Amino acid sequence: MIELEEGSHMTRSSVSAVLLLAACATTGNSDPVELARASEPIGCVDRAQCETYWQRAKVWISSNSYYRVQLSSDSVIETYGPIAGRMELAYRILKVPDGAGGGRILVTAECGNVFRCTPTATDAVLAFRRFTQMGG
């Protein structure tokens, strides 16, 4: 419970409104199944599959990111951003080899707005996963 000092200008209804707004603030999808799927790395079983997925990752980022690519190497793709207050997503994709020819691709997306990202980070990562694994 929040204790208010006597003479405080904040009423119980003001506190309730602030707490309600804070609870509604979200930058992603709240479906736990989709959240779990979006946080899983993309696995590749051999060098050829990893290379195909990596090339698709580069295509997806260049076609879907509001921000330009800042860094692109054999193991990292990173865009500029995010800019504070903006709803557009910035991305970081990492390719982590497993030592046996395969590996994992991890993607993170975030925006500079604490209330909302457009699209949601979960939706963007799921679209990235679909494109990377299926090519379209």
C-alpha atoms as a PDB file:
ATOM      1  CA  MET A   1       0.000   0.000   0.000  1.00  0.00           C
ATOM      2  CA  ILE A   2       1.245   3.499  -0.800  1.00  0.00           C
ATOM      3  CA  GLU A   3       1.333   5.896   2.116  1.00  0.00           C
ATOM      4  CA  LEU A   4       0.726   9.551   1.289  1.00  0.00           C
ATOM      5  CA  GLU A   5       1.836  12.384   3.554  1.00  0.00           C
ATOM      6  CA  GLU A   6      -0.762  14.818   4.747  1.00  0.00           C
ATOM      7  CA  GLY A   7      -0.933  17.763   2.374  1.00  0.00           C
ATOM      8  CA  SER A   8       0.219  15.692  -0.584  1.00  0.00           C
ATOM      9  CA  HIS A   9      -1.352  16.719  -3.869  1.00  0.00           C
ATOM     10  CA  MET A  10      -1.577  13.159  -5.060  1.00  0.00           C
ATOM     11  CA  THR A  11      -4.921  11.466  -4.373  1.00  0.00           C
ATOM     12  CA  ARG A  12      -5.646   7.756  -4.204  1.00  0.00           C
ATOM     13  CA  SER A  13      -7.306   7.949  -7.614  1.00  0.00           C
ATOM     14  CA  SER A  14      -4.183   9.620  -9.060  1.00  0.00           C
ATOM     15  CA  VAL A  15      -2.000   6.865  -7.629  1.00  0.00           C
ATOM     16  CA  SER A  16      -4.389   4.236  -9.014  1.00  0.00           C
ATOM     17  CA  ALA A  17      -4.305   5.843 -12.458  1.00  0.00           C
ATOM     18  CA  VAL A  18      -0.498   5.914 -12.483  1.00  0.00           C
ATOM     19  CA  LEU A  19      -0.299   2.265 -11.416  1.00  0.00           C
ATOM     20  CA  LEU A  20      -2.869   1.267 -14.040  1.00  0.00           C
ATOM     21  CA  LEU A  21      -0.925   3.044 -16.785  1.00  0.00           C
ATOM     22  CA  ALA A  22       2.300   1.414 -15.649  1.00  0.00           C
ATOM     23  CA  ALA A  23       0.662  -2.009 -15.724  1.00  0.00           C
ATOM     24  CA  CYS A  24      -0.626  -1.407 -19.248  1.00  0.00           C
ATOM     25  CA  ALA A  25       2.714  -0.208 -20.579  1.00  0.00           C
ATOM     26  CA  THR A  26       4.288  -2.875 -22.738  1.00  0.00           C
ATOM     27  CA  THR A  27       6.808  -3.097 -25.531  1.00  0.00           C
ATOM     28  CA  GLY A  28       5.921  -6.607 -26.607  1.00  0.00           C
ATOM     29  CA  ASN A  29       3.370  -9.322 -27.046  1.00  0.00           C
ATOM     30  CA  SER A  30       2.023 -10.847 -23.817  1.00  0.00           C
ATOM     31  CA  ASP A  31       1.253 -14.346 -25.201  1.00  0.00           C
ATOM     32  CA  PRO A  32       3.603 -16.600 -23.193  1.00  0.00           C
ATOM     33  CA  VAL A  33       3.909 -19.189 -25.995  1.00  0.00           C
ATOM     34  CA  GLU A  34       4.943 -16.552 -28.538  1.00  0.00           C
ATOM     35  CA  LEU A  35       7.271 -14.888 -26.020  1.00  0.00           C
ATOM     36  CA  ALA A  36       8.996 -18.220 -25.378  1.00  0.00           C
ATOM     37  CA  ARG A  37       9.278 -18.999 -29.097  1.00  0.00           C
ATOM     38  CA  ALA A  38      10.708 -15.554 -29.850  1.00  0.00           C
ATOM     39  CA  SER A  39      13.386 -15.941 -27.188  1.00  0.00           C
ATOM     40  CA  GLU A  40      14.621 -19.314 -28.466  1.00  0.00           C
ATOM     41  CA  PRO A  41      17.755 -19.296 -30.623  1.00  0.00           C
ATOM     42  CA  ILE A  42      17.486 -20.471 -34.228  1.00  0.00           C
ATOM     43  CA  GLY A  43      19.486 -23.670 -34.600  1.00  0.00           C
ATOM     44  CA  CYS A  44      21.383 -24.704 -37.716  1.00  0.00           C
ATOM     45  CA  VAL A  45      22.773 -28.217 -38.130  1.00  0.00           C
ATOM     46  CA  ASP A  46      25.712 -27.632 -40.470  1.00  0.00           C
ATOM     47  CA  ARG A  47      27.831 -24.926 -42.090  1.00  0.00           C
ATOM     48  CA  ALA A  48      25.646 -24.721 -45.241  1.00  0.00           C
ATOM     49  CA  GLN A  49      22.416 -24.260 -43.286  1.00  0.00           C
ATOM     50  CA  CYS A  50      24.042 -21.704 -40.978  1.00  0.00           C
ATOM     51  CA  GLU A  51      25.319 -19.731 -43.971  1.00  0.00           C
ATOM     52  CA  THR A  52      21.870 -19.808 -45.633  1.00  0.00           C
ATOM     53  CA  TYR A  53      20.217 -18.602 -42.428  1.00  0.00           C
ATOM     54  CA  TRP A  54      22.856 -15.889 -41.984  1.00  0.00           C
ATOM     55  CA  GLN A  55      22.357 -14.564 -45.525  1.00  0.00           C
ATOM     56  CA  ARG A  56      18.590 -14.514 -44.970  1.00  0.00           C
ATOM     57  CA  ALA A  57      19.129 -12.659 -41.682  1.00  0.00           C
ATOM     58  CA  LYS A  58      21.056  -9.946 -43.554  1.00  0.00           C
ATOM     59  CA  VAL A  59      18.289  -9.655 -46.149  1.00  0.00           C
ATOM     60  CA  TRP A  60      15.558  -9.477 -43.507  1.00  0.00           C
ATOM     61  CA  ILE A  61      17.329  -6.767 -41.504  1.00  0.00           C
ATOM     62  CA  SER A  62      18.061  -4.632 -44.560  1.00  0.00           C
ATOM     63  CA  SER A  63      14.420  -4.935 -45.672  1.00  0.00           C
ATOM     64  CA  ASN A  64      12.669  -4.570 -42.311  1.00  0.00           C
ATOM     65  CA  SER A  65      14.733  -2.400 -39.989  1.00  0.00           C
ATOM     66  CA  TYR A  66      13.950   1.302 -39.685  1.00  0.00           C
ATOM     67  CA  TYR A  67      17.583   1.849 -38.690  1.00  0.00           C
ATOM     68  CA  ARG A  68      20.520   1.270 -41.030  1.00  0.00           C
ATOM     69  CA  VAL A  69      22.948  -1.557 -40.422  1.00  0.00           C
ATOM     70  CA  GLN A  70      25.860  -0.361 -38.296  1.00  0.00           C
ATOM     71  CA  LEU A  71      27.881  -3.588 -38.157  1.00  0.00           C
ATOM     72  CA  SER A  72      27.760  -6.661 -40.367  1.00  0.00           C
ATOM     73  CA  SER A  73      30.300  -9.464 -40.020  1.00  0.00           C
ATOM     74  CA  ASP A  74      30.405 -13.258 -40.076  1.00  0.00           C
ATOM     75  CA  SER A  75      29.088 -13.356 -36.512  1.00  0.00           C
ATOM     76  CA  VAL A  76      27.245 -10.061 -35.792  1.00  0.00           C
ATOM     77  CA  ILE A  77      24.602  -7.952 -37.514  1.00  0.00           C
ATOM     78  CA  GLU A  78      23.689  -4.802 -35.607  1.00  0.00           C
ATOM     79  CA  THR A  79      21.642  -1.775 -36.534  1.00  0.00           C
ATOM     80  CA  TYR A  80      21.929   1.750 -35.222  1.00  0.00           C
ATOM     81  CA  GLY A  81      19.485   2.758 -32.502  1.00  0.00           C
ATOM     82  CA  PRO A  82      17.282   2.667 -30.676  1.00  0.00           C
ATOM     83  CA  ILE A  83      16.694   6.373 -30.178  1.00  0.00           C
ATOM     84  CA  ALA A  84      15.143   7.385 -26.852  1.00  0.00           C
ATOM     85  CA  GLY A  85      11.401   7.882 -27.107  1.00  0.00           C
ATOM     86  CA  ARG A  86      11.122   6.352 -30.588  1.00  0.00           C
ATOM     87  CA  MET A  87       8.947   3.282 -31.278  1.00  0.00           C
ATOM     88  CA  GLU A  88      11.070   1.815 -34.102  1.00  0.00           C
ATOM     89  CA  LEU A  89      13.056  -1.319 -33.309  1.00  0.00           C
ATOM     90  CA  ALA A  90      16.821  -1.696 -33.358  1.00  0.00           C
ATOM     91  CA  TYR A  91      18.270  -5.181 -33.831  1.00  0.00           C
ATOM     92  CA  ARG A  92      21.264  -7.245 -32.826  1.00  0.00           C
ATOM     93  CA  ILE A  93      21.793 -10.695 -34.332  1.00  0.00           C
ATOM     94  CA  LEU A  94      24.572 -13.030 -33.225  1.00  0.00           C
ATOM     95  CA  LYS A  95      25.770 -16.250 -34.852  1.00  0.00           C
ATOM     96  CA  VAL A  96      27.315 -18.606 -32.323  1.00  0.00           C
ATOM     97  CA  PRO A  97      29.061 -21.683 -33.775  1.00  0.00           C
ATOM     98  CA  ASP A  98      28.729 -24.971 -31.884  1.00  0.00           C
ATOM     99  CA  GLY A  99      32.143 -26.339 -32.882  1.00  0.00           C
ATOM    100  CA  ALA A 100      30.667 -29.153 -34.969  1.00  0.00           C
ATOM    101  CA  GLY A 101      29.763 -27.113 -38.068  1.00  0.00           C
ATOM    102  CA  GLY A 102      26.344 -26.009 -36.819  1.00  0.00           C
ATOM    103  CA  GLY A 103      25.372 -23.281 -34.432  1.00  0.00           C
ATOM    104  CA  ARG A 104      22.739 -20.913 -33.110  1.00  0.00           C
ATOM    105  CA  ILE A 105      21.472 -17.554 -34.253  1.00  0.00           C
ATOM    106  CA  LEU A 106      20.203 -15.232 -31.543  1.00  0.00           C
ATOM    107  CA  VAL A 107      18.203 -12.103 -32.232  1.00  0.00           C
ATOM    108  CA  THR A 108      17.229  -9.231 -29.952  1.00  0.00           C
ATOM    109  CA  ALA A 109      15.021  -6.279 -30.793  1.00  0.00           C
ATOM    110  CA  GLU A 110      14.324  -3.189 -28.730  1.00  0.00           C
ATOM    111  CA  CYS A 111      12.972   0.306 -29.119  1.00  0.00           C
ATOM    112  CA  GLY A 112      13.551   3.517 -27.203  1.00  0.00           C
ATOM    113  CA  ASN A 113       9.945   3.899 -26.044  1.00  0.00           C
ATOM    114  CA  VAL A 114       9.001   2.308 -22.713  1.00  0.00           C
ATOM    115  CA  PHE A 115       5.309   2.186 -23.602  1.00  0.00           C
ATOM    116  CA  ARG A 116       5.197   0.734 -27.094  1.00  0.00           C
ATOM    117  CA  CYS A 117       7.329  -0.526 -29.972  1.00  0.00           C
ATOM    118  CA  THR A 118       6.113  -0.696 -33.565  1.00  0.00           C
ATOM    119  CA  PRO A 119       5.964  -3.536 -34.399  1.00  0.00           C
ATOM    120  CA  THR A 120       6.210  -5.288 -31.049  1.00  0.00           C
ATOM    121  CA  ALA A 121       9.606  -6.857 -30.440  1.00  0.00           C
ATOM    122  CA  THR A 122       7.988 -10.309 -30.207  1.00  0.00           C
ATOM    123  CA  ASP A 123       6.162  -9.928 -33.529  1.00  0.00           C
ATOM    124  CA  ALA A 124       9.319  -8.688 -35.256  1.00  0.00           C
ATOM    125  CA  VAL A 125      11.477 -11.523 -33.899  1.00  0.00           C
ATOM    126  CA  LEU A 126       8.873 -14.114 -34.912  1.00  0.00           C
ATOM    127  CA  ALA A 127       8.758 -12.640 -38.441  1.00  0.00           C
ATOM    128  CA  PHE A 128      12.570 -12.717 -38.519  1.00  0.00           C
ATOM    129  CA  ARG A 129      12.541 -16.386 -37.449  1.00  0.00           C
ATOM    130  CA  ARG A 130       9.989 -17.332 -40.132  1.00  0.00           C
ATOM    131  CA  PHE A 131      11.948 -15.615 -42.875  1.00  0.00           C
ATOM    132  CA  THR A 132      15.320 -16.901 -41.734  1.00  0.00           C
ATOM    133  CA  GLN A 133      14.194 -20.513 -41.437  1.00  0.00           C
ATOM    134  CA  MET A 134      11.819 -20.693 -44.405  1.00  0.00           C
ATOM    135  CA  GLY A 135      12.992 -17.973 -46.742  1.00  0.00           C
ATOM    136  CA  GLY A 136       9.773 -16.055 -46.946  1.00  0.00           C
END
